[in-house]
Amino acid sequence: MNRSAIVRIAKIATVLAIFAFLAWRLDIDSLLDAIAEIDTATVVAVVALNLVTAFLFGLRSQVALRRLGHDLPFDLVLAAAVVGNVAGALTPASSGELLRAVALKSHANVSYKDGAALVVFERGLSLYMLILGTLVGIALYAAPPPLAIAAVLGGVVALVLPCVCARFLSALPAPAPEGSGRWYRLYVYITDIAIQLQRLFGHASTMLVWTAITAIGFAVVTFQFWLLAHALEDTITPLEAWISFGGSQLAALVSLIPLGLGASDASLAAILDRFGMTLEHGAAVAVLVRATATLPLIILAAGSWLYLARKTPIAQVHEEAAHAAAAHEA
């Protein structure tokens, strides 16, 4: 048995163990009753908010791509962004994000280095903001006011840190012009990506707009969590909803399980239990998040992939144009 098979079996066993533990701890009848009590209006509202999330995926990608010199049609950027973000959540180390680079290359001739720089920029900065925001949220919730204020100020200062760190990318030695071989080509590729990352992180207006769009996206998802909790007649504050979202997402990332299956759900139920909800209601929120947020985004990603598949690749467009020109000359 190879290593990858062992890893897959271990992940499946982990997911099954988590759900077995939850089934043992939970009153299943109370869980099902809580889910049955959810009103249709809330479900419709939460599902509809996924369209806002998807739109923001595309909007922030367009901001970054324009900084890299690519002014592309929004429908293409939106479809590629939705596919990339969802595929990244489904695959180890977010490797599914490479589908976005492939789509941008085939449909808009965006180089792979620019596509890779876009993915690294968005994934890295989004994760950084999630960790930072969750830590600040916990400080606001649990720390005395002076420490909470200090945490907020520290968080604002820390947002500038990626811009400062990006300056060190210029310290990478330039590839030797006479170099050759596989490792040389890899180093050239890395330095090319580093240059593009420096363009993104080092541009103040791009960083400000992209960060603001991502913060709005986090607020939309937090609102979804808050709506679902209130639909179960449980009162949690927006801050508690944010900590619940951030904490469960970080647990999902650490687990390395696609979509954080099990890890995210158990951590969300436990966090909501800490905020005064019953464990059954917390688990009900976790199930509803999967049904009204995760599943619709997967459906949107599948639809986006089909949309991209139906669009004519740029190489074929050029080939058809060349044939048409040749026929006209003849």
Protein backbone atom coordinates (compact mmCIF):
# COMPACT_ATOMS: atom_id res chain seq x y z
CA MET A 1 0.00 0.00 0.00
CA ASN A 2 1.51 3.35 -1.04
CA ARG A 3 1.70 6.43 1.10
CA SER A 4 -1.14 8.32 -0.61
CA ALA A 5 -3.52 5.41 -0.04
CA ILE A 6 -2.58 5.33 3.65
CA VAL A 7 -3.20 9.08 3.93
CA ARG A 8 -6.62 8.75 2.27
CA ILE A 9 -7.59 5.90 4.60
CA ALA A 10 -6.42 7.90 7.61
CA LYS A 11 -8.52 10.91 6.54
CA ILE A 12 -11.61 8.76 6.00
CA ALA A 13 -11.09 7.10 9.38
CA THR A 14 -10.73 10.52 11.01
CA VAL A 15 -13.97 11.79 9.47
CA LEU A 16 -15.84 8.65 10.51
CA ALA A 17 -14.44 8.89 14.04
CA ILE A 18 -15.52 12.53 14.36
CA PHE A 19 -19.05 11.81 13.18
CA ALA A 20 -19.24 8.71 15.40
CA PHE A 21 -18.24 10.84 18.39
CA LEU A 22 -20.83 13.47 17.52
CA ALA A 23 -23.53 10.81 17.12
CA TRP A 24 -22.60 9.47 20.56
CA ARG A 25 -22.69 12.89 22.23
CA LEU A 26 -25.73 14.32 20.47
CA ASP A 27 -29.42 13.78 21.01
CA ILE A 28 -30.24 12.96 17.39
CA ASP A 29 -33.97 13.58 17.83
CA SER A 30 -33.30 17.09 19.18
CA LEU A 31 -30.88 17.71 16.31
CA LEU A 32 -33.46 16.70 13.69
CA ASP A 33 -36.17 18.73 15.43
CA ALA A 34 -33.93 21.81 15.36
CA ILE A 35 -33.26 21.40 11.65
CA ALA A 36 -36.96 20.89 10.94
CA GLU A 37 -37.80 24.15 12.74
CA ILE A 38 -35.75 26.30 10.37
CA ASP A 39 -37.99 28.66 8.41
CA THR A 40 -37.97 28.78 4.63
CA ALA A 41 -37.28 32.53 4.46
CA THR A 42 -34.00 32.11 6.32
CA VAL A 43 -32.91 29.25 4.07
CA VAL A 44 -33.69 31.30 0.95
CA ALA A 45 -31.83 34.33 2.34
CA VAL A 46 -28.72 32.32 3.28
CA VAL A 47 -28.65 30.53 -0.08
CA ALA A 48 -29.06 33.84 -1.93
CA LEU A 49 -26.11 35.34 -0.06
CA ASN A 50 -23.87 32.78 -1.78
CA LEU A 51 -24.37 34.78 -4.97
CA VAL A 52 -22.90 37.80 -3.19
CA THR A 53 -19.95 35.69 -2.01
CA ALA A 54 -19.33 34.39 -5.52
CA PHE A 55 -19.55 37.91 -6.96
CA LEU A 56 -16.97 39.11 -4.44
CA PHE A 57 -14.65 36.23 -5.42
CA GLY A 58 -14.71 37.51 -8.99
CA LEU A 59 -14.48 41.19 -8.06
CA ARG A 60 -11.35 40.83 -5.94
CA SER A 61 -9.70 38.61 -8.58
CA GLN A 62 -10.35 41.25 -11.21
CA VAL A 63 -8.68 43.87 -9.00
CA ALA A 64 -5.56 41.69 -8.69
CA LEU A 65 -5.51 40.73 -12.38
CA ARG A 66 -5.72 44.36 -13.48
CA ARG A 67 -2.69 45.12 -11.34
CA LEU A 68 -0.89 42.31 -13.19
CA GLY A 69 -1.83 43.92 -16.50
CA HIS A 70 -4.84 41.76 -17.47
CA ASP A 71 -8.15 43.56 -18.07
CA LEU A 72 -10.40 40.55 -18.68
CA PRO A 73 -14.17 40.16 -19.13
CA PHE A 74 -15.81 39.86 -15.73
CA ASP A 75 -17.76 36.72 -16.63
CA LEU A 76 -14.50 34.85 -17.29
CA VAL A 77 -12.83 36.13 -14.12
CA LEU A 78 -15.92 35.31 -12.05
CA ALA A 79 -16.25 31.75 -13.37
CA ALA A 80 -12.53 31.03 -12.91
CA ALA A 81 -12.54 32.52 -9.39
CA VAL A 82 -15.53 30.46 -8.24
CA VAL A 83 -14.04 27.25 -9.67
CA GLY A 84 -10.67 27.98 -8.09
CA ASN A 85 -11.94 28.88 -4.63
CA VAL A 86 -14.24 25.87 -4.36
CA ALA A 87 -11.75 23.44 -5.91
CA GLY A 88 -9.13 24.75 -3.50
CA ALA A 89 -11.37 23.86 -0.57
CA LEU A 90 -11.92 20.36 -1.95
CA THR A 91 -8.27 19.45 -2.51
CA PRO A 92 -5.18 19.00 -0.30
CA ALA A 93 -3.05 22.14 0.08
CA SER A 94 -5.61 24.00 -2.08
CA SER A 95 -4.05 22.39 -5.17
CA GLY A 96 -7.40 22.62 -6.95
CA GLU A 97 -6.76 26.37 -7.28
CA LEU A 98 -4.52 25.45 -10.21
CA LEU A 99 -7.73 25.01 -12.22
CA ARG A 100 -8.10 28.78 -12.08
CA ALA A 101 -4.65 29.31 -13.59
CA VAL A 102 -5.43 26.75 -16.29
CA ALA A 103 -8.76 28.43 -17.12
CA LEU A 104 -7.19 31.89 -17.32
CA LYS A 105 -4.39 30.56 -19.52
CA SER A 106 -6.65 28.70 -21.94
CA HIS A 107 -9.37 31.36 -22.21
CA ALA A 108 -7.43 34.63 -21.84
CA ASN A 109 -3.78 33.70 -22.43
CA VAL A 110 -2.83 34.74 -18.89
CA SER A 111 0.62 33.26 -18.29
CA TYR A 112 0.94 30.48 -15.74
CA LYS A 113 3.30 32.62 -13.67
CA ASP A 114 0.65 35.35 -13.42
CA GLY A 115 -2.02 32.74 -12.64
CA ALA A 116 0.20 31.20 -9.95
CA ALA A 117 0.99 34.63 -8.49
CA LEU A 118 -2.75 35.40 -8.35
CA VAL A 119 -3.48 32.14 -6.51
CA VAL A 120 -0.62 32.56 -4.03
CA PHE A 121 -1.59 36.19 -3.39
CA GLU A 122 -5.29 35.51 -2.83
CA ARG A 123 -4.92 32.29 -0.85
CA GLY A 124 -2.10 33.60 1.31
CA LEU A 125 -3.59 37.00 2.08
CA SER A 126 -7.09 35.60 2.66
CA LEU A 127 -5.75 33.02 5.12
CA TYR A 128 -3.66 35.68 6.85
CA MET A 129 -6.72 37.92 7.25
CA LEU A 130 -8.79 35.00 8.55
CA ILE A 131 -6.22 34.08 11.21
CA LEU A 132 -5.65 37.70 12.18
CA GLY A 133 -9.34 38.54 12.30
CA THR A 134 -10.20 35.45 14.35
CA LEU A 135 -7.48 36.23 16.90
CA VAL A 136 -8.66 39.84 17.18
CA GLY A 137 -12.26 38.62 17.55
CA ILE A 138 -11.28 36.26 20.39
CA ALA A 139 -9.44 39.12 22.10
CA LEU A 140 -12.50 41.38 21.82
CA TYR A 141 -14.66 38.61 23.26
CA ALA A 142 -12.46 37.39 26.10
CA ALA A 143 -9.86 40.03 26.96
CA PRO A 144 -10.30 43.05 29.26
CA PRO A 145 -11.07 46.31 27.39
CA PRO A 146 -7.49 47.68 27.42
CA LEU A 147 -6.11 44.44 25.96
CA ALA A 148 -8.97 44.24 23.46
CA ILE A 149 -8.22 47.75 22.21
CA ALA A 150 -4.54 46.88 21.97
CA ALA A 151 -5.45 43.75 19.97
CA VAL A 152 -7.51 45.80 17.50
CA LEU A 153 -4.71 48.33 17.03
CA GLY A 154 -2.21 45.49 16.66
CA GLY A 155 -4.45 43.85 14.07
CA VAL A 156 -4.62 47.04 12.03
CA VAL A 157 -0.83 47.36 12.12
CA ALA A 158 -0.42 43.67 11.24
CA LEU A 159 -2.46 44.19 8.06
CA VAL A 160 0.46 46.22 6.74
CA LEU A 161 2.93 43.43 7.44
CA PRO A 162 2.45 41.57 4.11
CA CYS A 163 3.30 44.77 2.24
CA VAL A 164 6.50 45.15 4.26
CA CYS A 165 7.48 41.49 3.86
CA ALA A 166 6.92 41.69 0.10
CA ARG A 167 9.88 44.06 -0.14
CA PHE A 168 12.16 41.17 0.78
CA LEU A 169 11.12 39.36 -2.41
CA SER A 170 13.37 41.75 -4.31
CA ALA A 171 16.32 40.28 -2.39
CA LEU A 172 16.11 37.07 -4.42
CA PRO A 173 19.20 36.88 -6.64
CA ALA A 174 18.47 37.20 -10.34
CA PRO A 175 18.90 33.95 -12.29
CA ALA A 176 22.24 33.63 -14.04
CA PRO A 177 21.77 34.20 -17.80
CA GLU A 178 23.90 31.19 -18.68
CA GLY A 179 21.99 28.76 -16.44
CA SER A 180 20.22 25.64 -17.65
CA GLY A 181 18.58 22.49 -16.36
CA ARG A 182 15.41 21.66 -14.44
CA TRP A 183 16.34 23.40 -11.18
CA TYR A 184 17.41 26.52 -13.05
CA ARG A 185 14.06 26.69 -14.88
CA LEU A 186 12.24 26.20 -11.57
CA TYR A 187 14.21 29.04 -9.97
CA VAL A 188 13.45 31.32 -12.93
CA TYR A 189 9.77 30.47 -12.54
CA ILE A 190 9.88 31.23 -8.80
CA THR A 191 11.62 34.56 -9.30
CA ASP A 192 9.09 35.52 -11.98
CA ILE A 193 6.24 34.78 -9.56
CA ALA A 194 8.05 36.71 -6.81
CA ILE A 195 8.23 39.78 -9.07
CA GLN A 196 4.48 39.59 -9.69
CA LEU A 197 3.76 39.12 -6.00
CA GLN A 198 5.82 42.20 -5.26
CA ARG A 199 3.71 44.13 -7.75
CA LEU A 200 0.55 43.04 -5.92
CA PHE A 201 1.67 43.39 -2.30
CA GLY A 202 3.60 46.56 -2.96
CA HIS A 203 0.71 48.49 -4.53
CA ALA A 204 -1.20 50.31 -1.80
CA SER A 205 -4.49 50.90 -3.63
CA THR A 206 -4.67 47.29 -4.87
CA MET A 207 -4.05 46.02 -1.34
CA LEU A 208 -6.62 48.39 0.15
CA VAL A 209 -9.38 47.53 -2.33
CA TRP A 210 -8.66 43.78 -2.30
CA THR A 211 -8.57 43.69 1.52
CA ALA A 212 -11.83 45.64 1.75
CA ILE A 213 -13.59 43.26 -0.68
CA THR A 214 -12.34 40.23 1.27
CA ALA A 215 -13.47 41.78 4.56
CA ILE A 216 -16.95 42.31 3.07
CA GLY A 217 -16.92 38.65 1.97
CA PHE A 218 -16.08 37.55 5.51
CA ALA A 219 -18.90 39.76 6.81
CA VAL A 220 -21.38 38.13 4.39
CA VAL A 221 -20.47 34.61 5.57
CA THR A 222 -20.61 35.75 9.20
CA PHE A 223 -24.10 37.10 8.53
CA GLN A 224 -25.08 33.69 7.14
CA PHE A 225 -23.94 32.01 10.36
CA TRP A 226 -25.78 34.61 12.43
CA LEU A 227 -29.01 34.16 10.46
CA LEU A 228 -28.95 30.36 10.89
CA ALA A 229 -28.33 30.62 14.63
CA HIS A 230 -31.15 33.13 15.08
CA ALA A 231 -33.51 30.97 13.02
CA LEU A 232 -33.10 28.34 15.74
CA GLU A 233 -34.11 30.97 18.30
CA ASP A 234 -30.59 31.15 19.69
CA THR A 235 -29.14 34.59 20.30
CA ILE A 236 -25.52 35.06 19.40
CA THR A 237 -23.81 38.34 18.66
CA PRO A 238 -22.20 39.17 15.31
CA LEU A 239 -18.82 38.90 17.06
CA GLU A 240 -19.65 35.38 18.26
CA ALA A 241 -20.81 34.47 14.75
CA TRP A 242 -17.46 35.72 13.36
CA ILE A 243 -15.44 33.71 15.88
CA SER A 244 -17.55 30.65 15.08
CA PHE A 245 -16.89 31.05 11.37
CA GLY A 246 -13.20 31.82 11.75
CA GLY A 247 -12.55 29.08 14.29
CA SER A 248 -14.35 26.40 12.29
CA GLN A 249 -12.55 27.41 9.08
CA LEU A 250 -9.16 27.27 10.74
CA ALA A 251 -9.98 23.83 12.17
CA ALA A 252 -10.91 22.71 8.66
CA LEU A 253 -7.60 23.97 7.25
CA VAL A 254 -5.52 22.32 9.97
CA SER A 255 -7.31 19.00 9.46
CA LEU A 256 -6.21 18.85 5.78
CA ILE A 257 -9.50 17.06 5.08
CA PRO A 258 -11.38 18.21 1.95
CA LEU A 259 -13.93 20.86 2.98
CA GLY A 260 -12.85 20.20 6.57
CA LEU A 261 -15.50 17.50 6.64
CA GLY A 262 -16.13 16.58 10.26
CA ALA A 263 -13.44 18.82 11.72
CA SER A 264 -15.18 22.04 10.73
CA ASP A 265 -18.61 20.74 11.80
CA ALA A 266 -17.45 19.48 15.19
CA SER A 267 -15.49 22.64 15.96
CA LEU A 268 -18.42 24.85 14.93
CA ALA A 269 -20.80 22.92 17.20
CA ALA A 270 -18.30 23.12 20.07
CA ILE A 271 -17.72 26.87 19.64
CA LEU A 272 -21.45 27.61 19.50
CA ASP A 273 -21.92 25.43 22.58
CA ARG A 274 -19.34 27.65 24.30
CA PHE A 275 -21.43 30.68 23.33
CA GLY A 276 -24.54 29.32 25.04
CA MET A 277 -26.24 27.23 22.37
CA THR A 278 -26.97 23.59 23.05
CA LEU A 279 -24.66 21.10 21.35
CA GLU A 280 -27.63 19.88 19.29
CA HIS A 281 -28.42 23.39 18.05
CA GLY A 282 -24.75 23.99 17.31
CA ALA A 283 -24.64 20.78 15.27
CA ALA A 284 -27.85 21.84 13.53
CA VAL A 285 -26.19 25.09 12.47
CA ALA A 286 -23.22 23.07 11.15
CA VAL A 287 -25.54 20.86 9.09
CA LEU A 288 -27.44 23.89 7.80
CA VAL A 289 -24.20 25.65 6.84
CA ARG A 290 -23.31 22.63 4.71
CA ALA A 291 -26.76 22.58 3.10
CA THR A 292 -27.22 26.32 2.51
CA ALA A 293 -23.65 27.60 2.00
CA THR A 294 -21.22 24.81 1.12
CA LEU A 295 -23.49 22.85 -1.25
CA PRO A 296 -24.74 25.89 -3.22
CA LEU A 297 -21.16 27.07 -3.77
CA ILE A 298 -20.21 23.62 -5.07
CA ILE A 299 -23.16 23.79 -7.47
CA LEU A 300 -22.08 27.28 -8.57
CA ALA A 301 -18.55 25.98 -9.13
CA ALA A 302 -19.84 23.08 -11.24
CA GLY A 303 -21.94 25.49 -13.28
CA SER A 304 -18.95 27.82 -13.68
CA TRP A 305 -16.79 24.95 -14.89
CA LEU A 306 -19.41 23.98 -17.48
CA TYR A 307 -19.61 27.61 -18.56
CA LEU A 308 -15.84 27.73 -19.04
CA ALA A 309 -15.90 24.42 -20.89
CA ARG A 310 -18.37 25.84 -23.39
CA LYS A 311 -16.31 28.97 -24.02
CA THR A 312 -13.89 28.73 -26.93
CA PRO A 313 -10.25 28.60 -25.77
CA ILE A 314 -8.11 31.54 -26.91
CA ALA A 315 -5.80 29.30 -28.96
CA GLN A 316 -8.77 28.00 -30.97
CA VAL A 317 -10.01 31.55 -31.51
CA HIS A 318 -6.62 32.54 -32.92
CA GLU A 319 -6.52 29.43 -35.10
CA GLU A 320 -9.98 30.10 -36.50
CA ALA A 321 -9.08 33.74 -37.14
CA ALA A 322 -5.93 32.67 -38.99
CA HIS A 323 -7.91 30.23 -41.14
CA ALA A 324 -10.49 32.91 -41.89
CA ALA A 325 -7.76 35.37 -42.88
CA ALA A 326 -6.09 32.78 -45.11
CA ALA A 327 -9.41 31.97 -46.79
CA HIS A 328 -10.07 35.69 -47.36
CA GLU A 329 -6.66 36.19 -48.96
CA ALA A 330 -7.25 33.19 -51.22
